[in-house]
Amino acid sequence: MRRLTESFFVAAPARVLGKVGAGGFAGGAVLTVTFLVLGSPLAQASATAFSLGTLLFGFGLATWATALWIGRPLRALFARRGSSWNRENAARAFSIVTVLGVGGMLGSVAATLLLGAVLG
């Protein structure tokens, strides 16, 4: 039985997540501009960059939740094989991937709004 004081939310430190989110934001904006420069229409460039951010977000969220859900049995499995894998470190890593994806989605939206106002 789980203790009520046990934390169910495991993530990387806020400072790290902030930096990763800002990097994702910049990456999403740069991808949108890159696709536009390569000849894609603005709507397609935006959709492609947003989709890549969504892919990272979905993968990160699903694996973060899975690490929390079956982390204890996996830790036991890996411990038998001599690994130092644990649920908390895996959840922290996947929280970073999740925030990177969110930043990418927001960056592509911001770039699309800015480019739409400038170009259109």
PDB file of N, CA and C in Angstrom:
ATOM      1  N   MET A   1       0.836  -1.183   0.000  1.00  0.00           N
ATOM      2  CA  MET A   1       0.000   0.000   0.000  1.00  0.00           C
ATOM      3  C   MET A   1       0.883   1.249   0.000  1.00  0.00           C
ATOM      4  N   ARG A   2       0.511   2.229  -0.757  1.00  0.00           N
ATOM      5  CA  ARG A   2       1.305   3.445  -0.866  1.00  0.00           C
ATOM      6  C   ARG A   2       1.023   4.379   0.293  1.00  0.00           C
ATOM      7  N   ARG A   3       2.059   5.065   0.691  1.00  0.00           N
ATOM      8  CA  ARG A   3       1.901   6.070   1.732  1.00  0.00           C
ATOM      9  C   ARG A   3       1.306   7.334   1.133  1.00  0.00           C
ATOM     10  N   LEU A   4       0.509   8.047   1.903  1.00  0.00           N
ATOM     11  CA  LEU A   4      -0.106   9.274   1.413  1.00  0.00           C
ATOM     12  C   LEU A   4       0.922  10.364   1.179  1.00  0.00           C
ATOM     13  N   THR A   5       2.065  10.281   1.821  1.00  0.00           N
ATOM     14  CA  THR A   5       3.084  11.317   1.666  1.00  0.00           C
ATOM     15  C   THR A   5       3.952  11.105   0.437  1.00  0.00           C
ATOM     16  N   GLU A   6       3.788   9.980  -0.241  1.00  0.00           N
ATOM     17  CA  GLU A   6       4.601   9.702  -1.421  1.00  0.00           C
ATOM     18  C   GLU A   6       4.227  10.645  -2.559  1.00  0.00           C
ATOM     19  N   SER A   7       5.236  11.184  -3.193  1.00  0.00           N
ATOM     20  CA  SER A   7       4.999  12.119  -4.291  1.00  0.00           C
ATOM     21  C   SER A   7       4.734  11.350  -5.584  1.00  0.00           C
ATOM     22  N   PHE A   8       3.674  11.726  -6.268  1.00  0.00           N
ATOM     23  CA  PHE A   8       3.363  11.104  -7.550  1.00  0.00           C
ATOM     24  C   PHE A   8       3.877  11.947  -8.706  1.00  0.00           C
ATOM     25  N   PHE A   9       4.324  13.164  -8.417  1.00  0.00           N
ATOM     26  CA  PHE A   9       4.824  14.046  -9.464  1.00  0.00           C
ATOM     27  C   PHE A   9       6.339  14.101  -9.370  1.00  0.00           C
ATOM     28  N   VAL A  10       6.995  13.526 -10.347  1.00  0.00           N
ATOM     29  CA  VAL A  10       8.451  13.527 -10.397  1.00  0.00           C
ATOM     30  C   VAL A  10       8.853  14.221 -11.684  1.00  0.00           C
ATOM     31  N   ALA A  11       9.617  15.281 -11.557  1.00  0.00           N
ATOM     32  CA  ALA A  11      10.071  16.022 -12.735  1.00  0.00           C
ATOM     33  C   ALA A  11      11.454  16.582 -12.458  1.00  0.00           C
ATOM     34  N   ALA A  12      12.084  17.045 -13.490  1.00  0.00           N
ATOM     35  CA  ALA A  12      13.374  17.697 -13.356  1.00  0.00           C
ATOM     36  C   ALA A  12      13.177  19.030 -12.623  1.00  0.00           C
ATOM     37  N   PRO A  13      14.242  19.607 -12.085  1.00  0.00           N
ATOM     38  CA  PRO A  13      14.114  20.899 -11.405  1.00  0.00           C
ATOM     39  C   PRO A  13      13.550  21.978 -12.330  1.00  0.00           C
ATOM     40  N   ALA A  14      12.834  22.932 -11.756  1.00  0.00           N
ATOM     41  CA  ALA A  14      12.171  23.979 -12.544  1.00  0.00           C
ATOM     42  C   ALA A  14      13.178  24.778 -13.368  1.00  0.00           C
ATOM     43  N   ARG A  15      14.353  25.005 -12.846  1.00  0.00           N
ATOM     44  CA  ARG A  15      15.381  25.756 -13.576  1.00  0.00           C
ATOM     45  C   ARG A  15      15.743  25.035 -14.870  1.00  0.00           C
ATOM     46  N   VAL A  16      15.923  23.734 -14.777  1.00  0.00           N
ATOM     47  CA  VAL A  16      16.257  22.937 -15.960  1.00  0.00           C
ATOM     48  C   VAL A  16      15.092  22.932 -16.940  1.00  0.00           C
ATOM     49  N   LEU A  17      13.884  22.744 -16.431  1.00  0.00           N
ATOM     50  CA  LEU A  17      12.714  22.718 -17.312  1.00  0.00           C
ATOM     51  C   LEU A  17      12.498  24.061 -18.000  1.00  0.00           C
ATOM     52  N   GLY A  18      12.780  25.157 -17.304  1.00  0.00           N
ATOM     53  CA  GLY A  18      12.662  26.479 -17.912  1.00  0.00           C
ATOM     54  C   GLY A  18      13.627  26.659 -19.070  1.00  0.00           C
ATOM     55  N   LYS A  19      14.863  26.219 -18.871  1.00  0.00           N
ATOM     56  CA  LYS A  19      15.867  26.328 -19.942  1.00  0.00           C
ATOM     57  C   LYS A  19      15.500  25.445 -21.129  1.00  0.00           C
ATOM     58  N   VAL A  20      15.037  24.244 -20.845  1.00  0.00           N
ATOM     59  CA  VAL A  20      14.649  23.330 -21.917  1.00  0.00           C
ATOM     60  C   VAL A  20      13.433  23.867 -22.665  1.00  0.00           C
ATOM     61  N   GLY A  21      12.474  24.416 -21.932  1.00  0.00           N
ATOM     62  CA  GLY A  21      11.297  24.999 -22.572  1.00  0.00           C
ATOM     63  C   GLY A  21      11.661  26.169 -23.471  1.00  0.00           C
ATOM     64  N   ALA A  22      12.588  27.014 -23.017  1.00  0.00           N
ATOM     65  CA  ALA A  22      13.043  28.139 -23.834  1.00  0.00           C
ATOM     66  C   ALA A  22      13.774  27.633 -25.079  1.00  0.00           C
ATOM     67  N   GLY A  23      14.562  26.593 -24.906  1.00  0.00           N
ATOM     68  CA  GLY A  23      15.244  26.004 -26.059  1.00  0.00           C
ATOM     69  C   GLY A  23      14.268  25.402 -27.052  1.00  0.00           C
ATOM     70  N   GLY A  24      13.240  24.737 -26.538  1.00  0.00           N
ATOM     71  CA  GLY A  24      12.202  24.191 -27.408  1.00  0.00           C
ATOM     72  C   GLY A  24      11.441  25.286 -28.132  1.00  0.00           C
ATOM     73  N   PHE A  25      11.180  26.380 -27.426  1.00  0.00           N
ATOM     74  CA  PHE A  25      10.490  27.523 -28.033  1.00  0.00           C
ATOM     75  C   PHE A  25      11.311  28.061 -29.203  1.00  0.00           C
ATOM     76  N   ALA A  26      12.597  28.263 -28.955  1.00  0.00           N
ATOM     77  CA  ALA A  26      13.485  28.756 -30.010  1.00  0.00           C
ATOM     78  C   ALA A  26      13.567  27.751 -31.159  1.00  0.00           C
ATOM     79  N   GLY A  27      13.651  26.481 -30.824  1.00  0.00           N
ATOM     80  CA  GLY A  27      13.725  25.447 -31.845  1.00  0.00           C
ATOM     81  C   GLY A  27      12.478  25.401 -32.714  1.00  0.00           C
ATOM     82  N   GLY A  28      11.312  25.526 -32.100  1.00  0.00           N
ATOM     83  CA  GLY A  28      10.069  25.526 -32.861  1.00  0.00           C
ATOM     84  C   GLY A  28       9.971  26.720 -33.793  1.00  0.00           C
ATOM     85  N   ALA A  29      10.415  27.884 -33.304  1.00  0.00           N
ATOM     86  CA  ALA A  29      10.392  29.080 -34.146  1.00  0.00           C
ATOM     87  C   ALA A  29      11.380  28.946 -35.306  1.00  0.00           C
ATOM     88  N   VAL A  30      12.568  28.444 -35.002  1.00  0.00           N
ATOM     89  CA  VAL A  30      13.588  28.278 -36.049  1.00  0.00           C
ATOM     90  C   VAL A  30      13.135  27.255 -37.085  1.00  0.00           C
ATOM     91  N   LEU A  31      12.527  26.164 -36.639  1.00  0.00           N
ATOM     92  CA  LEU A  31      12.024  25.167 -37.599  1.00  0.00           C
ATOM     93  C   LEU A  31      10.961  25.759 -38.513  1.00  0.00           C
ATOM     94  N   THR A  32      10.068  26.552 -37.956  1.00  0.00           N
ATOM     95  CA  THR A  32       9.024  27.172 -38.774  1.00  0.00           C
ATOM     96  C   THR A  32       9.640  28.068 -39.844  1.00  0.00           C
ATOM     97  N   VAL A  33      10.593  28.900 -39.433  1.00  0.00           N
ATOM     98  CA  VAL A  33      11.257  29.797 -40.382  1.00  0.00           C
ATOM     99  C   VAL A  33      12.058  28.992 -41.404  1.00  0.00           C
ATOM    100  N   THR A  34      12.720  27.936 -40.957  1.00  0.00           N
ATOM    101  CA  THR A  34      13.515  27.102 -41.869  1.00  0.00           C
ATOM    102  C   THR A  34      12.647  26.464 -42.939  1.00  0.00           C
ATOM    103  N   PHE A  35      11.534  25.893 -42.535  1.00  0.00           N
ATOM    104  CA  PHE A  35      10.635  25.287 -43.519  1.00  0.00           C
ATOM    105  C   PHE A  35      10.081  26.341 -44.477  1.00  0.00           C
ATOM    106  N   LEU A  36       9.839  27.544 -43.970  1.00  0.00           N
ATOM    107  CA  LEU A  36       9.349  28.628 -44.820  1.00  0.00           C
ATOM    108  C   LEU A  36      10.412  29.035 -45.841  1.00  0.00           C
ATOM    109  N   VAL A  37      11.653  29.139 -45.398  1.00  0.00           N
ATOM    110  CA  VAL A  37      12.758  29.507 -46.289  1.00  0.00           C
ATOM    111  C   VAL A  37      12.995  28.423 -47.340  1.00  0.00           C
ATOM    112  N   LEU A  38      12.769  27.172 -46.957  1.00  0.00           N
ATOM    113  CA  LEU A  38      12.968  26.071 -47.899  1.00  0.00           C
ATOM    114  C   LEU A  38      11.843  25.955 -48.931  1.00  0.00           C
ATOM    115  N   GLY A  39      10.854  26.830 -48.845  1.00  0.00           N
ATOM    116  CA  GLY A  39       9.839  26.876 -49.889  1.00  0.00           C
ATOM    117  C   GLY A  39       8.456  26.410 -49.501  1.00  0.00           C
ATOM    118  N   SER A  40       8.256  25.992 -48.269  1.00  0.00           N
ATOM    119  CA  SER A  40       6.919  25.576 -47.849  1.00  0.00           C
ATOM    120  C   SER A  40       6.047  26.799 -47.603  1.00  0.00           C
ATOM    121  N   PRO A  41       4.764  26.706 -47.894  1.00  0.00           N
ATOM    122  CA  PRO A  41       3.860  27.795 -47.508  1.00  0.00           C
ATOM    123  C   PRO A  41       3.820  27.916 -45.980  1.00  0.00           C
ATOM    124  N   LEU A  42       3.439  29.081 -45.496  1.00  0.00           N
ATOM    125  CA  LEU A  42       3.456  29.330 -44.056  1.00  0.00           C
ATOM    126  C   LEU A  42       2.620  28.311 -43.285  1.00  0.00           C
ATOM    127  N   ALA A  43       1.451  27.976 -43.788  1.00  0.00           N
ATOM    128  CA  ALA A  43       0.585  27.022 -43.080  1.00  0.00           C
ATOM    129  C   ALA A  43       1.249  25.647 -42.974  1.00  0.00           C
ATOM    130  N   GLN A  44       1.885  25.217 -44.046  1.00  0.00           N
ATOM    131  CA  GLN A  44       2.542  23.909 -44.024  1.00  0.00           C
ATOM    132  C   GLN A  44       3.792  23.934 -43.146  1.00  0.00           C
ATOM    133  N   ALA A  45       4.564  25.003 -43.210  1.00  0.00           N
ATOM    134  CA  ALA A  45       5.761  25.133 -42.378  1.00  0.00           C
ATOM    135  C   ALA A  45       5.381  25.111 -40.900  1.00  0.00           C
ATOM    136  N   SER A  46       4.331  25.826 -40.575  1.00  0.00           N
ATOM    137  CA  SER A  46       3.853  25.878 -39.202  1.00  0.00           C
ATOM    138  C   SER A  46       3.346  24.520 -38.738  1.00  0.00           C
ATOM    139  N   ALA A  47       2.562  23.874 -39.579  1.00  0.00           N
ATOM    140  CA  ALA A  47       2.007  22.563 -39.214  1.00  0.00           C
ATOM    141  C   ALA A  47       3.104  21.526 -39.019  1.00  0.00           C
ATOM    142  N   THR A  48       4.137  21.565 -39.843  1.00  0.00           N
ATOM    143  CA  THR A  48       5.226  20.602 -39.723  1.00  0.00           C
ATOM    144  C   THR A  48       6.016  20.831 -38.447  1.00  0.00           C
ATOM    145  N   ALA A  49       6.370  22.079 -38.161  1.00  0.00           N
ATOM    146  CA  ALA A  49       7.116  22.382 -36.935  1.00  0.00           C
ATOM    147  C   ALA A  49       6.284  22.053 -35.696  1.00  0.00           C
ATOM    148  N   PHE A  50       5.003  22.400 -35.726  1.00  0.00           N
ATOM    149  CA  PHE A  50       4.121  22.097 -34.599  1.00  0.00           C
ATOM    150  C   PHE A  50       4.004  20.585 -34.405  1.00  0.00           C
ATOM    151  N   SER A  51       3.912  19.847 -35.505  1.00  0.00           N
ATOM    152  CA  SER A  51       3.793  18.388 -35.418  1.00  0.00           C
ATOM    153  C   SER A  51       5.030  17.752 -34.797  1.00  0.00           C
ATOM    154  N   LEU A  52       6.200  18.278 -35.117  1.00  0.00           N
ATOM    155  CA  LEU A  52       7.420  17.742 -34.514  1.00  0.00           C
ATOM    156  C   LEU A  52       7.452  18.009 -33.005  1.00  0.00           C
ATOM    157  N   GLY A  53       7.005  19.187 -32.601  1.00  0.00           N
ATOM    158  CA  GLY A  53       6.898  19.475 -31.170  1.00  0.00           C
ATOM    159  C   GLY A  53       5.884  18.576 -30.491  1.00  0.00           C
ATOM    160  N   THR A  54       4.773  18.339 -31.172  1.00  0.00           N
ATOM    161  CA  THR A  54       3.738  17.453 -30.632  1.00  0.00           C
ATOM    162  C   THR A  54       4.240  16.026 -30.487  1.00  0.00           C
ATOM    163  N   LEU A  55       5.049  15.593 -31.430  1.00  0.00           N
ATOM    164  CA  LEU A  55       5.632  14.260 -31.362  1.00  0.00           C
ATOM    165  C   LEU A  55       6.505  14.112 -30.111  1.00  0.00           C
ATOM    166  N   LEU A  56       7.355  15.100 -29.858  1.00  0.00           N
ATOM    167  CA  LEU A  56       8.183  15.063 -28.650  1.00  0.00           C
ATOM    168  C   LEU A  56       7.328  15.111 -27.390  1.00  0.00           C
ATOM    169  N   PHE A  57       6.315  15.988 -27.390  1.00  0.00           N
ATOM    170  CA  PHE A  57       5.435  16.106 -26.234  1.00  0.00           C
ATOM    171  C   PHE A  57       4.726  14.783 -25.938  1.00  0.00           C
ATOM    172  N   GLY A  58       4.158  14.187 -26.953  1.00  0.00           N
ATOM    173  CA  GLY A  58       3.423  12.929 -26.758  1.00  0.00           C
ATOM    174  C   GLY A  58       4.325  11.805 -26.294  1.00  0.00           C
ATOM    175  N   PHE A  59       5.489  11.683 -26.908  1.00  0.00           N
ATOM    176  CA  PHE A  59       6.432  10.642 -26.500  1.00  0.00           C
ATOM    177  C   PHE A  59       6.886  10.870 -25.065  1.00  0.00           C
ATOM    178  N   GLY A  60       7.249  12.092 -24.748  1.00  0.00           N
ATOM    179  CA  GLY A  60       7.715  12.395 -23.397  1.00  0.00           C
ATOM    180  C   GLY A  60       6.650  12.157 -22.341  1.00  0.00           C
ATOM    181  N   LEU A  61       5.429  12.584 -22.622  1.00  0.00           N
ATOM    182  CA  LEU A  61       4.344  12.417 -21.658  1.00  0.00           C
ATOM    183  C   LEU A  61       4.010  10.943 -21.442  1.00  0.00           C
ATOM    184  N   ALA A  62       3.950  10.194 -22.528  1.00  0.00           N
ATOM    185  CA  ALA A  62       3.618   8.770 -22.409  1.00  0.00           C
ATOM    186  C   ALA A  62       4.705   8.006 -21.656  1.00  0.00           C
ATOM    187  N   THR A  63       5.958   8.293 -21.953  1.00  0.00           N
ATOM    188  CA  THR A  63       7.031   7.567 -21.274  1.00  0.00           C
ATOM    189  C   THR A  63       7.207   8.042 -19.840  1.00  0.00           C
ATOM    190  N   TRP A  64       6.950   9.315 -19.570  1.00  0.00           N
ATOM    191  CA  TRP A  64       6.996   9.816 -18.189  1.00  0.00           C
ATOM    192  C   TRP A  64       5.951   9.091 -17.341  1.00  0.00           C
ATOM    193  N   ALA A  65       4.734   9.020 -17.854  1.00  0.00           N
ATOM    194  CA  ALA A  65       3.666   8.352 -17.116  1.00  0.00           C
ATOM    195  C   ALA A  65       3.953   6.858 -16.955  1.00  0.00           C
ATOM    196  N   THR A  66       4.503   6.239 -17.982  1.00  0.00           N
ATOM    197  CA  THR A  66       4.834   4.818 -17.903  1.00  0.00           C
ATOM    198  C   THR A  66       5.928   4.566 -16.876  1.00  0.00           C
ATOM    199  N   ALA A  67       6.919   5.451 -16.836  1.00  0.00           N
ATOM    200  CA  ALA A  67       7.993   5.293 -15.848  1.00  0.00           C
ATOM    201  C   ALA A  67       7.440   5.379 -14.429  1.00  0.00           C
ATOM    202  N   LEU A  68       6.473   6.264 -14.215  1.00  0.00           N
ATOM    203  CA  LEU A  68       5.870   6.355 -12.881  1.00  0.00           C
ATOM    204  C   LEU A  68       4.962   5.170 -12.596  1.00  0.00           C
ATOM    205  N   TRP A  69       4.258   4.691 -13.607  1.00  0.00           N
ATOM    206  CA  TRP A  69       3.278   3.628 -13.435  1.00  0.00           C
ATOM    207  C   TRP A  69       3.934   2.287 -13.143  1.00  0.00           C
ATOM    208  N   ILE A  70       4.908   1.897 -13.944  1.00  0.00           N
ATOM    209  CA  ILE A  70       5.518   0.578 -13.744  1.00  0.00           C
ATOM    210  C   ILE A  70       6.983   0.688 -13.334  1.00  0.00           C
ATOM    211  N   GLY A  71       7.325   1.803 -12.699  1.00  0.00           N
ATOM    212  CA  GLY A  71       8.709   2.030 -12.314  1.00  0.00           C
ATOM    213  C   GLY A  71       9.256   1.037 -11.313  1.00  0.00           C
ATOM    214  N   ARG A  72       8.465   0.666 -10.334  1.00  0.00           N
ATOM    215  CA  ARG A  72       8.966  -0.258  -9.305  1.00  0.00           C
ATOM    216  C   ARG A  72       9.263  -1.657  -9.860  1.00  0.00           C
ATOM    217  N   PRO A  73       8.363  -2.256 -10.632  1.00  0.00           N
ATOM    218  CA  PRO A  73       8.699  -3.560 -11.206  1.00  0.00           C
ATOM    219  C   PRO A  73       9.897  -3.489 -12.158  1.00  0.00           C
ATOM    220  N   LEU A  74       9.990  -2.403 -12.931  1.00  0.00           N
ATOM    221  CA  LEU A  74      11.135  -2.270 -13.828  1.00  0.00           C
ATOM    222  C   LEU A  74      12.436  -2.120 -13.052  1.00  0.00           C
ATOM    223  N   ARG A  75      12.406  -1.382 -11.949  1.00  0.00           N
ATOM    224  CA  ARG A  75      13.601  -1.231 -11.127  1.00  0.00           C
ATOM    225  C   ARG A  75      14.069  -2.590 -10.620  1.00  0.00           C
ATOM    226  N   ALA A  76      13.134  -3.408 -10.188  1.00  0.00           N
ATOM    227  CA  ALA A  76      13.495  -4.749  -9.713  1.00  0.00           C
ATOM    228  C   ALA A  76      14.082  -5.592 -10.839  1.00  0.00           C
ATOM    229  N   LEU A  77      13.494  -5.486 -12.023  1.00  0.00           N
ATOM    230  CA  LEU A  77      13.998  -6.230 -13.169  1.00  0.00           C
ATOM    231  C   LEU A  77      15.421  -5.793 -13.520  1.00  0.00           C
ATOM    232  N   PHE A  78      15.628  -4.484 -13.605  1.00  0.00           N
ATOM    233  CA  PHE A  78      16.949  -3.987 -13.960  1.00  0.00           C
ATOM    234  C   PHE A  78      17.973  -4.240 -12.853  1.00  0.00           C
ATOM    235  N   ALA A  79      17.539  -4.232 -11.608  1.00  0.00           N
ATOM    236  CA  ALA A  79      18.466  -4.491 -10.496  1.00  0.00           C
ATOM    237  C   ALA A  79      19.014  -5.911 -10.570  1.00  0.00           C
ATOM    238  N   ARG A  80      18.180  -6.843 -10.985  1.00  0.00           N
ATOM    239  CA  ARG A  80      18.653  -8.222 -11.144  1.00  0.00           C
ATOM    240  C   ARG A  80      19.715  -8.328 -12.230  1.00  0.00           C
ATOM    241  N   ARG A  81      19.683  -7.415 -13.157  1.00  0.00           N
ATOM    242  CA  ARG A  81      20.653  -7.442 -14.256  1.00  0.00           C
ATOM    243  C   ARG A  81      21.843  -6.527 -14.003  1.00  0.00           C
ATOM    244  N   GLY A  82      21.899  -5.909 -12.829  1.00  0.00           N
ATOM    245  CA  GLY A  82      23.040  -5.082 -12.459  1.00  0.00           C
ATOM    246  C   GLY A  82      22.956  -3.628 -12.895  1.00  0.00           C
ATOM    247  N   SER A  83      21.786  -3.162 -13.301  1.00  0.00           N
ATOM    248  CA  SER A  83      21.623  -1.779 -13.754  1.00  0.00           C
ATOM    249  C   SER A  83      21.225  -0.887 -12.581  1.00  0.00           C
ATOM    250  N   SER A  84      21.551   0.387 -12.690  1.00  0.00           N
ATOM    251  CA  SER A  84      21.178   1.339 -11.639  1.00  0.00           C
ATOM    252  C   SER A  84      19.961   2.173 -12.053  1.00  0.00           C
ATOM    253  N   TRP A  85      19.176   1.692 -13.017  1.00  0.00           N
ATOM    254  CA  TRP A  85      17.995   2.408 -13.484  1.00  0.00           C
ATOM    255  C   TRP A  85      17.022   2.582 -12.333  1.00  0.00           C
ATOM    256  N   ASN A  86      16.387   3.762 -12.256  1.00  0.00           N
ATOM    257  CA  ASN A  86      15.317   3.929 -11.276  1.00  0.00           C
ATOM    258  C   ASN A  86      14.215   4.812 -11.843  1.00  0.00           C
ATOM    259  N   ARG A  87      13.087   4.716 -11.230  1.00  0.00           N
ATOM    260  CA  ARG A  87      11.873   5.387 -11.693  1.00  0.00           C
ATOM    261  C   ARG A  87      12.020   6.904 -11.690  1.00  0.00           C
ATOM    262  N   GLU A  88      12.629   7.435 -10.652  1.00  0.00           N
ATOM    263  CA  GLU A  88      12.738   8.881 -10.512  1.00  0.00           C
ATOM    264  C   GLU A  88      13.605   9.492 -11.609  1.00  0.00           C
ATOM    265  N   ASN A  89      14.751   8.878 -11.887  1.00  0.00           N
ATOM    266  CA  ASN A  89      15.628   9.413 -12.935  1.00  0.00           C
ATOM    267  C   ASN A  89      14.981   9.307 -14.317  1.00  0.00           C
ATOM    268  N   ALA A  90      14.293   8.214 -14.570  1.00  0.00           N
ATOM    269  CA  ALA A  90      13.615   8.066 -15.857  1.00  0.00           C
ATOM    270  C   ALA A  90      12.506   9.110 -15.995  1.00  0.00           C
ATOM    271  N   ALA A  91      11.733   9.319 -14.942  1.00  0.00           N
ATOM    272  CA  ALA A  91      10.655  10.305 -14.995  1.00  0.00           C
ATOM    273  C   ALA A  91      11.210  11.706 -15.192  1.00  0.00           C
ATOM    274  N   ARG A  92      12.327  12.024 -14.540  1.00  0.00           N
ATOM    275  CA  ARG A  92      12.946  13.340 -14.738  1.00  0.00           C
ATOM    276  C   ARG A  92      13.393  13.524 -16.189  1.00  0.00           C
ATOM    277  N   ALA A  93      14.008  12.498 -16.746  1.00  0.00           N
ATOM    278  CA  ALA A  93      14.478  12.584 -18.132  1.00  0.00           C
ATOM    279  C   ALA A  93      13.311  12.796 -19.089  1.00  0.00           C
ATOM    280  N   PHE A  94      12.237  12.070 -18.890  1.00  0.00           N
ATOM    281  CA  PHE A  94      11.110  12.189 -19.812  1.00  0.00           C
ATOM    282  C   PHE A  94      10.312  13.464 -19.579  1.00  0.00           C
ATOM    283  N   SER A  95      10.390  14.051 -18.380  1.00  0.00           N
ATOM    284  CA  SER A  95       9.759  15.356 -18.178  1.00  0.00           C
ATOM    285  C   SER A  95      10.485  16.411 -19.006  1.00  0.00           C
ATOM    286  N   ILE A  96      11.795  16.245 -19.184  1.00  0.00           N
ATOM    287  CA  ILE A  96      12.559  17.173 -20.016  1.00  0.00           C
ATOM    288  C   ILE A  96      12.120  17.061 -21.475  1.00  0.00           C
ATOM    289  N   VAL A  97      11.935  15.838 -21.958  1.00  0.00           N
ATOM    290  CA  VAL A  97      11.478  15.643 -23.344  1.00  0.00           C
ATOM    291  C   VAL A  97      10.083  16.250 -23.528  1.00  0.00           C
ATOM    292  N   THR A  98       9.223  16.088 -22.533  1.00  0.00           N
ATOM    293  CA  THR A  98       7.862  16.624 -22.601  1.00  0.00           C
ATOM    294  C   THR A  98       7.880  18.144 -22.702  1.00  0.00           C
ATOM    295  N   VAL A  99       8.673  18.797 -21.858  1.00  0.00           N
ATOM    296  CA  VAL A  99       8.730  20.259 -21.860  1.00  0.00           C
ATOM    297  C   VAL A  99       9.392  20.773 -23.139  1.00  0.00           C
ATOM    298  N   LEU A 100      10.351  20.044 -23.656  1.00  0.00           N
ATOM    299  CA  LEU A 100      10.959  20.415 -24.939  1.00  0.00           C
ATOM    300  C   LEU A 100       9.900  20.435 -26.038  1.00  0.00           C
ATOM    301  N   GLY A 101       9.027  19.444 -26.044  1.00  0.00           N
ATOM    302  CA  GLY A 101       7.945  19.398 -27.031  1.00  0.00           C
ATOM    303  C   GLY A 101       6.955  20.528 -26.865  1.00  0.00           C
ATOM    304  N   VAL A 102       6.598  20.845 -25.626  1.00  0.00           N
ATOM    305  CA  VAL A 102       5.670  21.961 -25.387  1.00  0.00           C
ATOM    306  C   VAL A 102       6.294  23.266 -25.871  1.00  0.00           C
ATOM    307  N   GLY A 103       7.568  23.459 -25.560  1.00  0.00           N
ATOM    308  CA  GLY A 103       8.253  24.657 -26.028  1.00  0.00           C
ATOM    309  C   GLY A 103       8.284  24.739 -27.540  1.00  0.00           C
ATOM    310  N   GLY A 104       8.515  23.610 -28.199  1.00  0.00           N
ATOM    311  CA  GLY A 104       8.520  23.587 -29.655  1.00  0.00           C
ATOM    312  C   GLY A 104       7.169  23.941 -30.246  1.00  0.00           C
ATOM    313  N   MET A 105       6.114  23.438 -29.634  1.00  0.00           N
ATOM    314  CA  MET A 105       4.768  23.765 -30.124  1.00  0.00           C
ATOM    315  C   MET A 105       4.486  25.253 -29.953  1.00  0.00           C
ATOM    316  N   LEU A 106       4.805  25.789 -28.786  1.00  0.00           N
ATOM    317  CA  LEU A 106       4.550  27.210 -28.543  1.00  0.00           C
ATOM    318  C   LEU A 106       5.409  28.097 -29.441  1.00  0.00           C
ATOM    319  N   GLY A 107       6.655  27.691 -29.668  1.00  0.00           N
ATOM    320  CA  GLY A 107       7.530  28.457 -30.551  1.00  0.00           C
ATOM    321  C   GLY A 107       7.037  28.483 -31.981  1.00  0.00           C
ATOM    322  N   SER A 108       6.526  27.363 -32.452  1.00  0.00           N
ATOM    323  CA  SER A 108       6.004  27.348 -33.828  1.00  0.00           C
ATOM    324  C   SER A 108       4.750  28.204 -33.947  1.00  0.00           C
ATOM    325  N   VAL A 109       3.920  28.209 -32.923  1.00  0.00           N
ATOM    326  CA  VAL A 109       2.720  29.057 -32.949  1.00  0.00           C
ATOM    327  C   VAL A 109       3.108  30.533 -32.937  1.00  0.00           C
ATOM    328  N   ALA A 110       4.050  30.889 -32.068  1.00  0.00           N
ATOM    329  CA  ALA A 110       4.487  32.286 -31.991  1.00  0.00           C
ATOM    330  C   ALA A 110       5.113  32.743 -33.310  1.00  0.00           C
ATOM    331  N   ALA A 111       5.950  31.901 -33.885  1.00  0.00           N
ATOM    332  CA  ALA A 111       6.573  32.252 -35.172  1.00  0.00           C
ATOM    333  C   ALA A 111       5.528  32.385 -36.266  1.00  0.00           C
ATOM    334  N   THR A 112       4.537  31.527 -36.251  1.00  0.00           N
ATOM    335  CA  THR A 112       3.477  31.599 -37.268  1.00  0.00           C
ATOM    336  C   THR A 112       2.685  32.886 -37.132  1.00  0.00           C
ATOM    337  N   LEU A 113       2.337  33.253 -35.911  1.00  0.00           N
ATOM    338  CA  LEU A 113       1.595  34.508 -35.711  1.00  0.00           C
ATOM    339  C   LEU A 113       2.424  35.704 -36.145  1.00  0.00           C
ATOM    340  N   LEU A 114       3.691  35.722 -35.793  1.00  0.00           N
ATOM    341  CA  LEU A 114       4.563  36.830 -36.160  1.00  0.00           C
ATOM    342  C   LEU A 114       4.767  36.888 -37.680  1.00  0.00           C
ATOM    343  N   LEU A 115       5.069  35.756 -38.285  1.00  0.00           N
ATOM    344  CA  LEU A 115       5.270  35.724 -39.730  1.00  0.00           C
ATOM    345  C   LEU A 115       3.989  36.032 -40.499  1.00  0.00           C
ATOM    346  N   GLY A 116       2.863  35.568 -39.980  1.00  0.00           N
ATOM    347  CA  GLY A 116       1.582  35.880 -40.624  1.00  0.00           C
ATOM    348  C   GLY A 116       1.287  37.360 -40.608  1.00  0.00           C
ATOM    349  N   ALA A 117       1.641  38.050 -39.501  1.00  0.00           N
ATOM    350  CA  ALA A 117       1.433  39.481 -39.427  1.00  0.00           C
ATOM    351  C   ALA A 117       2.383  40.241 -40.336  1.00  0.00           C
ATOM    352  N   VAL A 118       3.616  39.743 -40.456  1.00  0.00           N
ATOM    353  CA  VAL A 118       4.619  40.418 -41.282  1.00  0.00           C
ATOM    354  C   VAL A 118       4.390  40.159 -42.768  1.00  0.00           C
ATOM    355  N   LEU A 119       4.117  38.910 -43.124  1.00  0.00           N
ATOM    356  CA  LEU A 119       3.986  38.541 -44.526  1.00  0.00           C
ATOM    357  C   LEU A 119       2.588  38.750 -45.095  1.00  0.00           C
ATOM    358  N   GLY A 120       1.624  38.792 -44.208  1.00  0.00           N
ATOM    359  CA  GLY A 120       0.354  38.703 -44.776  1.00  0.00           C
ATOM    360  C   GLY A 120      -0.703  39.640 -44.655  1.00  0.00           C
TER     361      GLY A 120
END
